[in-house]
Amino acid sequence: MYVIVEIAGHQFKVEKDSKLYVNRLEGEEGSTIDLDKVLLVENDGKVDVGAPGIKNAVVKARILSHLKGDKVLVFKKKRRKGYQKLNGHRQYLTRIQIEDIVL
């Protein structure tokens, strides 16, 4: 059984006990959050697609930690002009674990 859920504007395919990194969520480490934007449910080969979401379907997740991702470098250059620019950033992430899928 798996579901496709929308978290902070991004869609993720999740199963029970799976761990994933998402954009920073509000909440303390160790707290439980409910994700109610379930878009698709697959259960024993039967697929239910929401329009836009499935009513009364909730995914319960636990916040494991807040962290920063790897550094991403952005390099810009214009040839023959002597223009070079190097920027970088580290994304703020939250690691969550899916505890239960309630239909």
N, C-alpha and C. Protein backbone atom coordinates (compact mmCIF):
# COMPACT_ATOMS: atom_id res chain seq x y z
N MET A 1 0.84 -1.18 0.00
CA MET A 1 0.00 0.00 0.00
C MET A 1 0.88 1.24 0.00
N TYR A 2 0.58 2.16 -0.89
CA TYR A 2 1.28 3.43 -0.90
C TYR A 2 0.29 4.54 -1.23
N VAL A 3 0.67 5.76 -0.89
CA VAL A 3 -0.14 6.93 -1.20
C VAL A 3 0.77 8.01 -1.78
N ILE A 4 0.16 8.90 -2.52
CA ILE A 4 0.86 10.10 -2.98
C ILE A 4 0.25 11.26 -2.22
N VAL A 5 1.11 11.97 -1.48
CA VAL A 5 0.65 13.04 -0.60
C VAL A 5 1.39 14.32 -0.98
N GLU A 6 0.70 15.45 -0.80
CA GLU A 6 1.32 16.75 -1.08
C GLU A 6 1.79 17.36 0.23
N ILE A 7 3.09 17.67 0.28
CA ILE A 7 3.70 18.27 1.47
C ILE A 7 4.43 19.53 1.02
N ALA A 8 4.00 20.67 1.51
CA ALA A 8 4.64 21.96 1.23
C ALA A 8 4.78 22.21 -0.27
N GLY A 9 3.74 21.86 -1.04
CA GLY A 9 3.75 22.14 -2.47
C GLY A 9 4.43 21.09 -3.33
N HIS A 10 4.99 20.05 -2.74
CA HIS A 10 5.65 18.99 -3.48
C HIS A 10 4.91 17.67 -3.25
N GLN A 11 4.92 16.81 -4.27
CA GLN A 11 4.23 15.53 -4.16
C GLN A 11 5.24 14.43 -3.88
N PHE A 12 4.90 13.55 -2.93
CA PHE A 12 5.78 12.46 -2.52
C PHE A 12 5.00 11.16 -2.52
N LYS A 13 5.66 10.08 -2.96
CA LYS A 13 5.09 8.74 -2.86
C LYS A 13 5.60 8.14 -1.55
N VAL A 14 4.70 7.82 -0.63
CA VAL A 14 5.11 7.35 0.69
C VAL A 14 4.43 6.03 1.02
N GLU A 15 5.10 5.25 1.84
CA GLU A 15 4.57 4.01 2.40
C GLU A 15 4.74 4.08 3.91
N LYS A 16 4.15 3.14 4.60
CA LYS A 16 4.28 3.11 6.05
C LYS A 16 5.73 2.83 6.43
N ASP A 17 6.24 3.52 7.45
CA ASP A 17 7.59 3.42 7.98
C ASP A 17 8.67 3.95 7.04
N SER A 18 8.30 4.67 5.98
CA SER A 18 9.31 5.26 5.11
C SER A 18 9.77 6.60 5.69
N LYS A 19 11.02 6.96 5.40
CA LYS A 19 11.60 8.22 5.87
C LYS A 19 11.94 9.05 4.65
N LEU A 20 11.70 10.37 4.75
CA LEU A 20 12.02 11.24 3.63
C LEU A 20 12.34 12.64 4.12
N TYR A 21 13.01 13.38 3.24
CA TYR A 21 13.37 14.76 3.50
C TYR A 21 12.40 15.67 2.75
N VAL A 22 11.85 16.65 3.45
CA VAL A 22 10.93 17.62 2.85
C VAL A 22 11.40 19.02 3.22
N ASN A 23 10.84 20.02 2.56
CA ASN A 23 11.16 21.39 2.94
C ASN A 23 10.75 21.62 4.38
N ARG A 24 11.40 22.57 5.04
CA ARG A 24 11.23 22.80 6.48
C ARG A 24 9.77 22.95 6.85
N LEU A 25 9.36 22.14 7.83
CA LEU A 25 8.00 22.19 8.36
C LEU A 25 8.01 22.78 9.76
N GLU A 26 6.91 23.37 10.15
CA GLU A 26 6.80 23.89 11.51
C GLU A 26 6.52 22.74 12.45
N GLY A 27 7.06 22.83 13.63
CA GLY A 27 6.84 21.79 14.63
C GLY A 27 8.15 21.39 15.28
N GLU A 28 8.04 20.88 16.49
CA GLU A 28 9.21 20.46 17.25
C GLU A 28 9.63 19.05 16.82
N GLU A 29 10.91 18.74 17.07
CA GLU A 29 11.40 17.40 16.79
C GLU A 29 10.69 16.42 17.72
N GLY A 30 10.23 15.31 17.17
CA GLY A 30 9.51 14.32 17.95
C GLY A 30 8.00 14.50 17.93
N SER A 31 7.51 15.62 17.41
CA SER A 31 6.07 15.84 17.38
C SER A 31 5.45 15.15 16.17
N THR A 32 4.14 14.96 16.23
CA THR A 32 3.42 14.28 15.16
C THR A 32 2.63 15.30 14.36
N ILE A 33 2.63 15.12 13.04
CA ILE A 33 1.86 16.00 12.16
C ILE A 33 0.91 15.15 11.33
N ASP A 34 -0.20 15.75 10.92
CA ASP A 34 -1.17 15.09 10.06
C ASP A 34 -1.10 15.72 8.68
N LEU A 35 -0.94 14.89 7.66
CA LEU A 35 -0.90 15.35 6.28
C LEU A 35 -2.21 14.93 5.63
N ASP A 36 -3.07 15.91 5.32
CA ASP A 36 -4.40 15.58 4.84
C ASP A 36 -4.59 15.78 3.34
N LYS A 37 -3.57 16.22 2.63
CA LYS A 37 -3.69 16.39 1.18
C LYS A 37 -3.23 15.11 0.48
N VAL A 38 -4.07 14.08 0.55
CA VAL A 38 -3.78 12.79 -0.08
C VAL A 38 -4.36 12.82 -1.48
N LEU A 39 -3.52 12.62 -2.50
CA LEU A 39 -3.95 12.74 -3.88
C LEU A 39 -4.29 11.39 -4.51
N LEU A 40 -3.63 10.30 -4.07
CA LEU A 40 -3.83 8.99 -4.67
C LEU A 40 -3.58 7.92 -3.62
N VAL A 41 -4.36 6.85 -3.68
CA VAL A 41 -4.17 5.71 -2.77
C VAL A 41 -4.14 4.44 -3.60
N GLU A 42 -3.11 3.61 -3.40
CA GLU A 42 -3.01 2.30 -4.03
C GLU A 42 -3.04 1.27 -2.93
N ASN A 43 -4.04 0.37 -2.98
CA ASN A 43 -4.20 -0.64 -1.94
C ASN A 43 -4.51 -1.97 -2.61
N ASP A 44 -3.56 -2.89 -2.60
CA ASP A 44 -3.71 -4.23 -3.20
C ASP A 44 -4.11 -4.17 -4.66
N GLY A 45 -3.47 -3.31 -5.43
CA GLY A 45 -3.76 -3.21 -6.85
C GLY A 45 -4.93 -2.31 -7.21
N LYS A 46 -5.69 -1.86 -6.22
CA LYS A 46 -6.82 -0.97 -6.46
C LYS A 46 -6.35 0.47 -6.27
N VAL A 47 -6.53 1.29 -7.29
CA VAL A 47 -6.05 2.67 -7.26
C VAL A 47 -7.24 3.61 -7.14
N ASP A 48 -7.19 4.50 -6.15
CA ASP A 48 -8.19 5.54 -5.98
C ASP A 48 -7.52 6.89 -6.20
N VAL A 49 -8.06 7.66 -7.15
CA VAL A 49 -7.51 8.97 -7.46
C VAL A 49 -8.49 10.02 -6.98
N GLY A 50 -7.99 11.00 -6.24
CA GLY A 50 -8.83 12.07 -5.74
C GLY A 50 -9.03 13.16 -6.77
N ALA A 51 -10.06 13.96 -6.56
CA ALA A 51 -10.30 15.08 -7.45
C ALA A 51 -10.67 16.30 -6.61
N PRO A 52 -9.76 17.09 -6.09
CA PRO A 52 -8.30 16.98 -6.18
C PRO A 52 -7.71 16.09 -5.10
N GLY A 53 -8.44 15.83 -4.01
CA GLY A 53 -7.89 15.00 -2.93
C GLY A 53 -8.90 13.96 -2.50
N ILE A 54 -8.44 13.01 -1.73
CA ILE A 54 -9.31 11.96 -1.21
C ILE A 54 -9.82 12.39 0.16
N LYS A 55 -11.13 12.40 0.32
CA LYS A 55 -11.73 12.84 1.58
C LYS A 55 -11.48 11.81 2.67
N ASN A 56 -11.29 12.28 3.87
CA ASN A 56 -11.11 11.46 5.08
C ASN A 56 -9.85 10.61 5.06
N ALA A 57 -8.94 10.86 4.15
CA ALA A 57 -7.67 10.14 4.14
C ALA A 57 -6.62 11.02 4.80
N VAL A 58 -5.88 10.47 5.77
CA VAL A 58 -4.88 11.23 6.52
C VAL A 58 -3.63 10.38 6.65
N VAL A 59 -2.48 11.02 6.47
CA VAL A 59 -1.20 10.37 6.69
C VAL A 59 -0.60 10.97 7.95
N LYS A 60 -0.26 10.13 8.92
CA LYS A 60 0.34 10.60 10.17
C LYS A 60 1.84 10.42 10.07
N ALA A 61 2.58 11.48 10.39
CA ALA A 61 4.04 11.45 10.29
C ALA A 61 4.65 12.05 11.55
N ARG A 62 5.88 11.63 11.85
CA ARG A 62 6.62 12.14 13.00
C ARG A 62 7.84 12.90 12.49
N ILE A 63 8.08 14.08 13.08
CA ILE A 63 9.25 14.88 12.72
C ILE A 63 10.45 14.30 13.44
N LEU A 64 11.44 13.84 12.67
CA LEU A 64 12.64 13.25 13.27
C LEU A 64 13.69 14.31 13.57
N SER A 65 13.94 15.21 12.62
CA SER A 65 14.97 16.24 12.85
C SER A 65 14.82 17.37 11.84
N HIS A 66 15.35 18.52 12.22
CA HIS A 66 15.49 19.67 11.33
C HIS A 66 16.97 19.80 11.00
N LEU A 67 17.28 20.03 9.71
CA LEU A 67 18.68 20.09 9.30
C LEU A 67 18.82 20.95 8.06
N LYS A 68 20.06 21.10 7.62
CA LYS A 68 20.35 21.82 6.39
C LYS A 68 20.91 20.84 5.37
N GLY A 69 20.51 21.00 4.12
CA GLY A 69 20.95 20.11 3.05
C GLY A 69 22.36 20.45 2.60
N ASP A 70 22.83 19.72 1.60
CA ASP A 70 24.15 19.96 1.03
C ASP A 70 24.18 21.31 0.33
N LYS A 71 25.36 21.88 0.20
CA LYS A 71 25.52 23.18 -0.43
C LYS A 71 25.33 23.05 -1.94
N VAL A 72 24.55 23.97 -2.50
CA VAL A 72 24.30 24.03 -3.92
C VAL A 72 25.00 25.27 -4.46
N LEU A 73 25.89 25.09 -5.44
CA LEU A 73 26.62 26.20 -6.02
C LEU A 73 25.96 26.63 -7.33
N VAL A 74 25.79 27.95 -7.49
CA VAL A 74 25.23 28.52 -8.71
C VAL A 74 26.31 29.40 -9.32
N PHE A 75 26.78 29.05 -10.53
CA PHE A 75 27.86 29.78 -11.19
C PHE A 75 27.32 30.40 -12.46
N LYS A 76 27.51 31.73 -12.59
CA LYS A 76 27.07 32.46 -13.77
C LYS A 76 28.29 33.03 -14.46
N LYS A 77 28.28 33.03 -15.78
CA LYS A 77 29.41 33.55 -16.54
C LYS A 77 28.92 34.05 -17.89
N LYS A 78 29.50 35.16 -18.34
CA LYS A 78 29.24 35.64 -19.69
C LYS A 78 30.58 35.64 -20.43
N ARG A 79 30.63 34.93 -21.50
CA ARG A 79 31.90 34.77 -22.19
C ARG A 79 32.37 36.08 -22.82
N ARG A 80 33.66 36.23 -22.79
CA ARG A 80 34.38 37.38 -23.38
C ARG A 80 34.06 38.71 -22.71
N LYS A 81 33.38 38.72 -21.60
CA LYS A 81 33.04 39.97 -20.92
C LYS A 81 33.72 40.10 -19.56
N GLY A 82 34.34 39.06 -19.09
CA GLY A 82 34.99 39.12 -17.80
C GLY A 82 34.03 39.02 -16.63
N TYR A 83 32.79 38.61 -16.89
CA TYR A 83 31.77 38.53 -15.85
C TYR A 83 31.69 37.11 -15.31
N GLN A 84 31.91 36.97 -14.00
CA GLN A 84 31.74 35.69 -13.32
C GLN A 84 31.10 35.95 -11.96
N LYS A 85 30.16 35.11 -11.58
CA LYS A 85 29.48 35.27 -10.31
C LYS A 85 29.25 33.88 -9.72
N LEU A 86 29.64 33.70 -8.46
CA LEU A 86 29.46 32.44 -7.77
C LEU A 86 28.59 32.67 -6.54
N ASN A 87 27.46 32.00 -6.51
CA ASN A 87 26.56 32.06 -5.36
C ASN A 87 26.31 30.64 -4.88
N GLY A 88 25.94 30.52 -3.62
CA GLY A 88 25.61 29.21 -3.09
C GLY A 88 24.61 29.34 -1.96
N HIS A 89 23.92 28.24 -1.68
CA HIS A 89 22.99 28.23 -0.56
C HIS A 89 22.82 26.80 -0.06
N ARG A 90 22.31 26.69 1.17
CA ARG A 90 21.97 25.40 1.75
C ARG A 90 20.50 25.44 2.12
N GLN A 91 19.75 24.47 1.65
CA GLN A 91 18.32 24.42 1.86
C GLN A 91 18.01 23.92 3.28
N TYR A 92 17.00 24.51 3.91
CA TYR A 92 16.53 24.04 5.21
C TYR A 92 15.57 22.88 4.99
N LEU A 93 15.83 21.75 5.63
CA LEU A 93 15.05 20.54 5.43
C LEU A 93 14.52 19.99 6.75
N THR A 94 13.52 19.15 6.65
CA THR A 94 12.98 18.41 7.77
C THR A 94 12.93 16.94 7.38
N ARG A 95 13.40 16.07 8.27
CA ARG A 95 13.33 14.63 8.02
C ARG A 95 12.13 14.09 8.79
N ILE A 96 11.24 13.41 8.06
CA ILE A 96 10.04 12.87 8.68
C ILE A 96 9.95 11.37 8.45
N GLN A 97 9.19 10.70 9.31
CA GLN A 97 8.93 9.27 9.17
C GLN A 97 7.42 9.08 9.13
N ILE A 98 6.97 8.33 8.14
CA ILE A 98 5.54 8.05 8.01
C ILE A 98 5.18 6.95 9.00
N GLU A 99 4.24 7.25 9.89
CA GLU A 99 3.86 6.29 10.93
C GLU A 99 2.61 5.50 10.58
N ASP A 100 1.62 6.16 9.98
CA ASP A 100 0.36 5.47 9.73
C ASP A 100 -0.37 6.14 8.57
N ILE A 101 -1.14 5.33 7.85
CA ILE A 101 -1.99 5.83 6.76
C ILE A 101 -3.43 5.45 7.13
N VAL A 102 -4.26 6.47 7.34
CA VAL A 102 -5.64 6.26 7.77
C VAL A 102 -6.56 6.60 6.60
N LEU A 103 -7.39 5.63 6.20
CA LEU A 103 -8.31 5.87 5.08
C LEU A 103 -9.73 6.03 5.56
